[in-house]
């Protein structure tokens, strides 16, 4: 086995078999599955949504067709029942299936009885229905045909035409809410994974320097091989950890009965999530290893790791806020091809219609950039890993 392979194997064995890692994965999956079970129980307890319960007394029975027409026009679902006159108090006070409102009529006056402030959409439909009923009555008194007038009014409603390309982002007719949710989940999990892996790599590098283990290792292996093995090994461990969490999330969706409602193909979505994780990991994590070699004590790790962590929040928040609002702008497109931004920008752009060709171009650019970052980080690591004492300056490490 090659020297790099031995380091990878050591990192994997050490971290995968650690009790803390095993317990952490079990707890995460258990929490997700329990969440799925909890959602299933809650969803089952809700029953079928039949609409807003409305009771109409016999005195207002003629008003009912107008109310139903107004509710349909406003896409409001009502669960209407008829009741005898004078029973609205009983309707409102029943503990089982109570009506939200009861509509009564005294002469020409309609009254809406409610236990609390009635739904504004419902009151809008009631007001529209009352006006329509009054208008129909006046038309009939004048000898006209109310149905003919209502048809003419309906036909006079202006039509809405959305011009192609005029609506973008959330307002675009092509916006896919589920694809957007998958994009958000992808970049959030990736950010967590890269931050965790980067911190682990940095901590491991400093631990080996502090304990002088690195001096023994470098007697049989090159510094760049040691760094590469450490980064790849921790990367594979992080990938396994993330796959376990994703499996738990899919299991939770299945238990909750949400998978049939998914319109986004999970297979391609998971493949792209894996691709962007590998790109993000390759771009960022190797930099953590090189930067950590500049310090010699655990107390100093924060001085080099913290800035790198905060740098990752920039593309993360840009992806969350810029892409949804300006998915097709020149700035968004350009940032999507920059390797330090593309792992976060492109998953979100794909949710807003970016093509597979654009995504592959971003991956290709990152694939060319990663070896350059590996060479730079390896140079820093080679100079800094044997340095003891105070913090080594970046300029000195690059000259070495």
Protein backbone atom coordinates (compact mmCIF):
# COMPACT_ATOMS: atom_id res chain seq x y z
CA UNK A 1 0.00 0.00 0.00
CA UNK A 2 1.27 3.50 -0.87
CA UNK A 3 2.27 5.98 1.80
CA UNK A 4 -0.80 8.14 1.10
CA UNK A 5 -3.04 5.07 1.29
CA UNK A 6 -1.62 4.16 4.69
CA UNK A 7 -2.37 7.63 6.04
CA UNK A 8 -5.91 7.46 4.62
CA UNK A 9 -6.46 4.07 6.21
CA UNK A 10 -5.15 5.30 9.57
CA UNK A 11 -7.42 8.35 9.56
CA UNK A 12 -10.48 6.33 8.57
CA UNK A 13 -9.87 3.59 11.13
CA UNK A 14 -9.18 6.07 13.92
CA UNK A 15 -12.25 8.21 13.30
CA UNK A 16 -14.84 5.70 12.12
CA UNK A 17 -14.19 3.36 15.05
CA UNK A 18 -14.18 6.13 17.65
CA UNK A 19 -17.04 5.75 20.13
CA UNK A 20 -17.88 9.44 19.88
CA UNK A 21 -18.36 9.14 16.10
CA UNK A 22 -20.51 6.03 16.33
CA UNK A 23 -22.69 7.46 19.10
CA UNK A 24 -23.04 10.76 17.25
CA UNK A 25 -24.22 9.07 14.05
CA UNK A 26 -26.68 6.87 15.93
CA UNK A 27 -28.12 9.85 17.79
CA UNK A 28 -28.47 11.94 14.63
CA UNK A 29 -30.28 9.17 12.74
CA UNK A 30 -32.49 8.43 15.75
CA UNK A 31 -33.49 12.10 16.07
CA UNK A 32 -34.37 12.28 12.37
CA UNK A 33 -36.41 9.07 12.44
CA UNK A 34 -38.24 10.14 15.61
CA UNK A 35 -38.99 13.42 13.85
CA UNK A 36 -40.50 11.47 10.94
CA UNK A 37 -42.63 9.41 13.33
CA UNK A 38 -43.73 12.58 15.15
CA UNK A 39 -44.77 14.22 11.89
CA UNK A 40 -46.69 11.09 10.87
CA UNK A 41 -48.61 11.08 14.16
CA UNK A 42 -49.34 14.81 13.92
CA UNK A 43 -50.44 14.55 10.29
CA UNK A 44 -52.73 11.61 11.08
CA UNK A 45 -54.33 13.48 13.98
CA UNK A 46 -55.23 16.43 11.75
CA UNK A 47 -57.58 14.43 9.58
CA UNK A 48 -58.79 15.70 6.24
CA UNK A 49 -59.08 19.46 5.87
CA UNK A 50 -62.67 20.05 4.78
CA UNK A 51 -62.47 23.83 5.02
CA UNK A 52 -63.70 26.57 7.37
CA UNK A 53 -66.80 25.38 9.28
CA UNK A 54 -69.71 27.73 8.54
CA UNK A 55 -73.31 27.23 9.68
CA UNK A 56 -76.16 29.03 7.89
CA UNK A 57 -79.55 29.32 9.56
CA UNK A 58 -82.74 28.66 7.55
CA UNK A 59 -83.53 32.39 7.45
CA UNK A 60 -80.34 32.93 5.39
CA UNK A 61 -80.71 29.88 3.15
CA UNK A 62 -81.15 32.06 0.03
CA UNK A 63 -77.78 33.63 0.78
CA UNK A 64 -75.95 30.28 0.65
CA UNK A 65 -75.50 30.00 -3.18
CA UNK A 66 -73.99 33.49 -3.30
CA UNK A 67 -71.59 32.62 -0.47
CA UNK A 68 -70.44 29.43 -2.16
CA UNK A 69 -69.88 31.24 -5.46
CA UNK A 70 -67.86 33.97 -3.74
CA UNK A 71 -65.80 31.37 -1.85
CA UNK A 72 -64.98 29.50 -5.07
CA UNK A 73 -63.95 32.76 -6.76
CA UNK A 74 -61.50 33.50 -3.92
CA UNK A 75 -60.29 29.86 -3.78
CA UNK A 76 -61.59 29.55 -0.23
CA UNK A 77 -62.77 26.15 1.01
CA UNK A 78 -65.85 26.16 3.25
CA UNK A 79 -67.50 23.36 5.20
CA UNK A 80 -71.08 24.65 5.09
CA UNK A 81 -73.96 23.22 7.10
CA UNK A 82 -77.56 24.41 7.48
CA UNK A 83 -79.23 24.79 10.85
CA UNK A 84 -82.60 25.87 12.18
CA UNK A 85 -83.29 29.46 13.11
CA UNK A 86 -82.29 30.52 16.60
CA UNK A 87 -79.67 27.81 17.12
CA UNK A 88 -76.49 29.80 16.41
CA UNK A 89 -75.53 29.91 20.11
CA UNK A 90 -75.65 26.12 20.29
CA UNK A 91 -73.60 25.87 17.08
CA UNK A 92 -70.88 28.12 18.45
CA UNK A 93 -70.67 26.46 21.88
CA UNK A 94 -70.50 22.82 20.82
CA UNK A 95 -67.21 21.14 21.72
CA UNK A 96 -67.39 18.66 18.84
CA UNK A 97 -67.07 20.03 15.30
CA UNK A 98 -68.13 23.57 16.21
CA UNK A 99 -68.80 26.10 13.48
CA UNK A 100 -66.32 28.97 13.25
CA UNK A 101 -69.17 31.31 12.33
CA UNK A 102 -72.96 31.15 12.07
CA UNK A 103 -74.79 33.35 9.56
CA UNK A 104 -78.31 34.53 10.38
CA UNK A 105 -80.77 36.89 8.73
CA UNK A 106 -83.31 39.24 10.28
CA UNK A 107 -85.30 40.83 7.50
CA UNK A 108 -82.74 42.27 5.11
CA UNK A 109 -79.94 42.31 7.67
CA UNK A 110 -77.29 39.57 7.60
CA UNK A 111 -75.37 38.90 10.81
CA UNK A 112 -72.18 36.88 11.17
CA UNK A 113 -71.83 35.37 14.65
CA UNK A 114 -68.35 34.26 15.71
CA UNK A 115 -66.62 33.09 18.88
CA UNK A 116 -63.44 35.00 17.92
CA UNK A 117 -62.36 37.41 15.22
CA UNK A 118 -63.51 35.71 12.00
CA UNK A 119 -61.09 34.81 9.23
CA UNK A 120 -60.46 37.85 7.01
CA UNK A 121 -60.76 35.80 3.81
CA UNK A 122 -64.08 34.40 4.98
CA UNK A 123 -65.40 37.87 5.79
CA UNK A 124 -64.28 39.06 2.37
CA UNK A 125 -66.25 36.26 0.73
CA UNK A 126 -69.30 37.04 2.90
CA UNK A 127 -69.15 40.72 1.97
CA UNK A 128 -68.81 39.91 -1.73
CA UNK A 129 -71.71 37.46 -1.55
CA UNK A 130 -73.92 39.98 0.26
CA UNK A 131 -73.19 42.65 -2.35
CA UNK A 132 -73.86 40.21 -5.18
CA UNK A 133 -77.16 39.14 -3.61
CA UNK A 134 -78.24 42.77 -3.17
CA UNK A 135 -77.27 43.60 -6.75
CA UNK A 136 -79.17 40.59 -8.08
CA UNK A 137 -82.26 41.66 -6.13
CA UNK A 138 -82.13 45.16 -7.58
CA UNK A 139 -81.69 43.82 -11.11
CA UNK A 140 -84.71 41.53 -10.67
CA UNK A 141 -86.82 44.42 -9.37
CA UNK A 142 -85.92 46.40 -12.50
CA UNK A 143 -86.96 43.54 -14.76
CA UNK A 144 -83.48 42.38 -15.71
CA UNK A 145 -81.83 38.96 -15.66
CA UNK A 146 -79.33 38.68 -12.72
CA UNK A 147 -77.60 35.64 -14.27
CA UNK A 148 -76.98 37.54 -17.52
CA UNK A 149 -75.57 40.51 -15.62
CA UNK A 150 -73.30 38.31 -13.51
CA UNK A 151 -72.02 36.63 -16.68
CA UNK A 152 -71.23 40.00 -18.22
CA UNK A 153 -69.40 41.09 -15.04
CA UNK A 154 -67.36 37.88 -14.99
CA UNK A 155 -66.39 38.31 -18.64
CA UNK A 156 -65.26 41.87 -17.97
CA UNK A 157 -62.56 40.70 -15.53
CA UNK A 158 -59.10 41.62 -16.94
CA UNK A 159 -56.85 38.74 -17.92
CA UNK A 160 -53.27 38.50 -16.58
CA UNK A 161 -50.44 37.68 -18.97
CA UNK A 162 -46.92 37.14 -17.65
CA UNK A 163 -44.30 38.13 -20.20
CA UNK A 164 -41.55 35.60 -20.74
CA UNK A 165 -38.46 36.52 -18.75
CA UNK A 166 -40.15 39.39 -16.91
CA UNK A 167 -40.61 37.45 -13.67
CA UNK A 168 -37.56 35.86 -12.07
CA UNK A 169 -36.62 34.20 -8.79
CA UNK A 170 -39.50 33.33 -6.50
CA UNK A 171 -41.96 35.06 -8.87
CA UNK A 172 -40.92 33.07 -11.90
CA UNK A 173 -43.60 30.71 -13.25
CA UNK A 174 -40.86 28.06 -13.48
CA UNK A 175 -39.90 28.35 -9.80
CA UNK A 176 -39.77 24.91 -8.16
CA UNK A 177 -40.20 25.18 -4.40
CA UNK A 178 -39.04 21.63 -3.74
CA UNK A 179 -35.90 22.08 -5.84
CA UNK A 180 -35.20 25.26 -3.87
CA UNK A 181 -35.62 23.34 -0.61
CA UNK A 182 -33.21 20.65 -1.83
CA UNK A 183 -30.72 23.39 -2.76
CA UNK A 184 -30.96 24.97 0.69
CA UNK A 185 -30.51 21.58 2.36
CA UNK A 186 -27.50 20.82 0.14
CA UNK A 187 -25.56 23.99 0.92
CA UNK A 188 -26.47 23.90 4.63
CA UNK A 189 -25.29 20.31 5.08
CA UNK A 190 -22.20 21.02 2.97
CA UNK A 191 -21.29 24.07 5.05
CA UNK A 192 -21.58 22.03 8.24
CA UNK A 193 -19.55 19.16 6.75
CA UNK A 194 -16.74 21.36 5.40
CA UNK A 195 -16.45 23.36 8.61
CA UNK A 196 -16.32 20.15 10.64
CA UNK A 197 -13.79 18.47 8.34
CA UNK A 198 -11.62 21.58 8.06
CA UNK A 199 -11.47 22.00 11.82
CA UNK A 200 -10.66 18.30 12.22
CA UNK A 201 -7.81 18.51 9.69
CA UNK A 202 -6.40 21.63 11.35
CA UNK A 203 -6.61 20.09 14.83
CA UNK A 204 -4.94 16.89 13.63
CA UNK A 205 -2.07 18.78 12.00
CA UNK A 206 -1.34 20.77 15.15
CA UNK A 207 -1.67 17.70 17.39
CA UNK A 208 0.96 15.88 15.36
CA UNK A 209 3.27 18.90 15.51
CA UNK A 210 2.80 19.29 19.26
CA UNK A 211 3.45 15.61 20.02
CA UNK A 212 6.36 15.45 17.55
CA UNK A 213 4.68 12.46 15.87
CA UNK A 214 5.02 14.28 12.57
CA UNK A 215 8.82 14.09 12.82
CA UNK A 216 8.62 10.29 12.95
CA UNK A 217 6.13 10.17 10.09
CA UNK A 218 8.19 12.42 7.86
CA UNK A 219 11.07 9.99 8.15
CA UNK A 220 9.14 7.62 5.88
CA UNK A 221 6.69 9.86 3.99
CA UNK A 222 6.81 13.18 2.18
CA UNK A 223 5.00 16.16 3.75
CA UNK A 224 2.68 16.56 0.76
CA UNK A 225 1.78 12.85 0.94
CA UNK A 226 1.04 13.15 4.65
CA UNK A 227 -1.19 16.19 4.08
CA UNK A 228 -2.96 14.55 1.13
CA UNK A 229 -3.60 11.35 3.07
CA UNK A 230 -4.90 13.25 6.08
CA UNK A 231 -7.24 15.42 3.98
CA UNK A 232 -8.58 12.51 1.92
CA UNK A 233 -9.00 10.26 4.97
CA UNK A 234 -10.90 12.87 6.95
CA UNK A 235 -12.85 13.73 3.81
CA UNK A 236 -13.99 10.12 3.39
CA UNK A 237 -14.96 9.96 7.05
CA UNK A 238 -16.97 13.17 6.70
CA UNK A 239 -18.61 11.81 3.56
CA UNK A 240 -19.67 8.65 5.40
CA UNK A 241 -21.03 10.79 8.23
CA UNK A 242 -23.02 12.95 5.81
CA UNK A 243 -24.35 9.93 3.93
CA UNK A 244 -25.62 8.48 7.19
CA UNK A 245 -27.39 11.77 7.99
CA UNK A 246 -28.88 11.97 4.48
CA UNK A 247 -30.06 8.37 4.79
CA UNK A 248 -31.71 9.34 8.08
CA UNK A 249 -33.40 12.31 6.40
CA UNK A 250 -34.72 10.15 3.56
CA UNK A 251 -35.91 7.61 6.12
CA UNK A 252 -37.70 10.36 8.05
CA UNK A 253 -39.41 11.55 4.84
CA UNK A 254 -40.48 7.98 4.08
CA UNK A 255 -41.86 7.41 7.57
CA UNK A 256 -43.67 10.74 7.48
CA UNK A 257 -45.27 9.81 4.16
CA UNK A 258 -43.71 12.78 2.35
CA UNK A 259 -41.75 10.90 -0.33
CA UNK A 260 -44.75 10.39 -2.66
CA UNK A 261 -45.29 14.16 -2.66
CA UNK A 262 -41.70 14.83 -3.79
CA UNK A 263 -41.57 16.10 -7.37
CA UNK A 264 -37.77 16.43 -7.34
CA UNK A 265 -36.04 13.16 -8.41
CA UNK A 266 -34.04 12.24 -5.32
CA UNK A 267 -31.47 10.20 -7.26
CA UNK A 268 -30.07 13.06 -9.40
CA UNK A 269 -30.46 15.49 -6.48
CA UNK A 270 -28.31 13.30 -4.24
CA UNK A 271 -25.72 12.81 -6.99
CA UNK A 272 -25.37 16.57 -7.47
CA UNK A 273 -25.23 17.08 -3.71
CA UNK A 274 -22.32 14.60 -3.60
CA UNK A 275 -20.57 16.38 -6.48
CA UNK A 276 -20.82 19.79 -4.80
CA UNK A 277 -19.65 18.33 -1.50
CA UNK A 278 -16.54 16.91 -3.18
CA UNK A 279 -15.89 20.23 -4.94
CA UNK A 280 -16.36 22.25 -1.76
CA UNK A 281 -14.29 19.85 0.27
CA UNK A 282 -11.46 19.86 -2.27
CA UNK A 283 -11.42 23.65 -2.47
CA UNK A 284 -11.57 24.48 1.23
CA UNK A 285 -10.32 21.62 3.39
CA UNK A 286 -6.81 21.37 1.94
CA UNK A 287 -6.39 25.07 2.73
CA UNK A 288 -7.23 24.35 6.38
CA UNK A 289 -4.41 21.79 6.54
CA UNK A 290 -1.83 24.15 5.07
CA UNK A 291 -2.90 27.08 7.25
CA UNK A 292 -2.81 24.97 10.44
CA UNK A 293 0.84 24.10 9.81
CA UNK A 294 1.69 27.75 10.44
CA UNK A 295 1.04 27.41 14.18
CA UNK A 296 2.53 25.09 16.78
CA UNK A 297 0.03 25.11 19.66
CA UNK A 298 -3.64 24.24 20.01
CA UNK A 299 -4.31 27.67 21.49
CA UNK A 300 -3.23 29.26 18.21
CA UNK A 301 -5.49 27.23 15.90
CA UNK A 302 -8.28 29.76 16.13
CA UNK A 303 -6.12 32.52 14.70
CA UNK A 304 -5.80 30.71 11.36
CA UNK A 305 -8.97 28.59 11.27
CA UNK A 306 -11.53 31.22 12.29
CA UNK A 307 -10.89 33.52 9.29
CA UNK A 308 -11.22 30.54 6.95
CA UNK A 309 -14.53 29.61 8.57
CA UNK A 310 -15.94 33.10 8.19
CA UNK A 311 -14.83 33.19 4.56
CA UNK A 312 -17.17 30.27 3.85
CA UNK A 313 -20.15 32.17 5.22
CA UNK A 314 -19.76 34.74 2.44
CA UNK A 315 -20.65 32.37 -0.45
CA UNK A 316 -23.21 30.64 1.77
CA UNK A 317 -25.19 33.82 2.44
CA UNK A 318 -24.68 35.05 -1.12
CA UNK A 319 -26.25 31.79 -2.31
CA UNK A 320 -29.16 32.14 0.11
CA UNK A 321 -30.03 35.77 -0.65
CA UNK A 322 -28.52 36.84 -3.98
CA UNK A 323 -29.46 33.82 -6.08
CA UNK A 324 -33.19 33.75 -5.18
CA UNK A 325 -33.54 37.47 -5.90
CA UNK A 326 -31.27 37.71 -8.96
CA UNK A 327 -30.90 34.15 -10.30
CA UNK A 328 -30.05 35.26 -13.85
CA UNK A 329 -27.96 38.34 -13.16
CA UNK A 330 -24.42 38.61 -14.51
CA UNK A 331 -22.98 38.75 -10.97
CA UNK A 332 -24.75 35.54 -9.99
CA UNK A 333 -23.58 33.73 -13.10
CA UNK A 334 -19.96 34.85 -12.69
CA UNK A 335 -19.84 33.92 -8.99
CA UNK A 336 -21.21 30.50 -9.90
CA UNK A 337 -18.03 29.74 -11.83
CA UNK A 338 -15.55 30.91 -9.16
CA UNK A 339 -14.35 27.78 -7.30
CA UNK A 340 -14.68 29.31 -3.82
CA UNK A 341 -18.29 30.27 -4.58
CA UNK A 342 -19.51 27.58 -6.99
CA UNK A 343 -20.13 24.79 -4.39
CA UNK A 344 -22.72 27.08 -2.76
CA UNK A 345 -23.97 29.17 -5.68
CA UNK A 346 -24.55 26.44 -8.26
CA UNK A 347 -26.86 24.19 -6.19
CA UNK A 348 -29.11 27.22 -5.68
CA UNK A 349 -28.86 28.27 -9.34
CA UNK A 350 -29.90 24.76 -10.36
CA UNK A 351 -33.04 25.25 -8.27
CA UNK A 352 -33.79 28.34 -10.39
CA UNK A 353 -33.21 26.73 -13.75
CA UNK A 354 -29.43 26.63 -14.31
CA UNK A 355 -28.59 24.01 -16.92
CA UNK A 356 -26.50 20.88 -16.44
CA UNK A 357 -23.92 22.30 -18.86
CA UNK A 358 -23.43 25.37 -16.62
CA UNK A 359 -23.01 23.12 -13.58
CA UNK A 360 -20.47 20.92 -15.39
CA UNK A 361 -18.46 23.99 -16.45
CA UNK A 362 -18.29 25.10 -12.81
CA UNK A 363 -17.15 21.61 -11.78
CA UNK A 364 -14.47 21.60 -14.50
CA UNK A 365 -13.10 25.00 -13.40
CA UNK A 366 -12.96 23.78 -9.80
CA UNK A 367 -11.24 20.54 -10.88
CA UNK A 368 -8.47 22.62 -12.50
CA UNK A 369 -8.19 24.92 -9.47
CA UNK A 370 -8.01 22.23 -6.77
CA UNK A 371 -4.54 20.87 -7.82
CA UNK A 372 -3.20 24.44 -7.69
CA UNK A 373 -4.58 24.86 -4.16
CA UNK A 374 -3.09 21.48 -3.21
CA UNK A 375 0.32 22.60 -4.48
CA UNK A 376 0.17 25.91 -2.58
CA UNK A 377 -1.09 24.27 0.64
CA UNK A 378 1.51 21.51 0.30
CA UNK A 379 4.25 24.11 0.01
CA UNK A 380 3.01 25.87 3.15
CA UNK A 381 2.63 22.56 4.97
CA UNK A 382 6.09 21.34 3.99
CA UNK A 383 7.71 24.46 5.40
CA UNK A 384 5.48 24.89 8.43
CA UNK A 385 4.97 21.35 9.71
CA UNK A 386 8.48 21.14 11.14
CA UNK A 387 8.53 24.72 12.36
CA UNK A 388 8.39 25.11 16.15
CA UNK A 389 8.08 28.10 18.38
CA UNK A 390 6.07 31.12 17.32
CA UNK A 391 3.66 31.37 14.44
CA UNK A 392 5.27 31.09 11.01
CA UNK A 393 4.42 33.94 8.64
CA UNK A 394 2.64 32.96 5.43
CA UNK A 395 5.19 34.79 3.28
CA UNK A 396 8.05 32.85 4.89
CA UNK A 397 6.25 29.55 4.36
CA UNK A 398 5.69 30.28 0.69
CA UNK A 399 9.37 31.18 0.23
CA UNK A 400 10.60 28.01 1.84
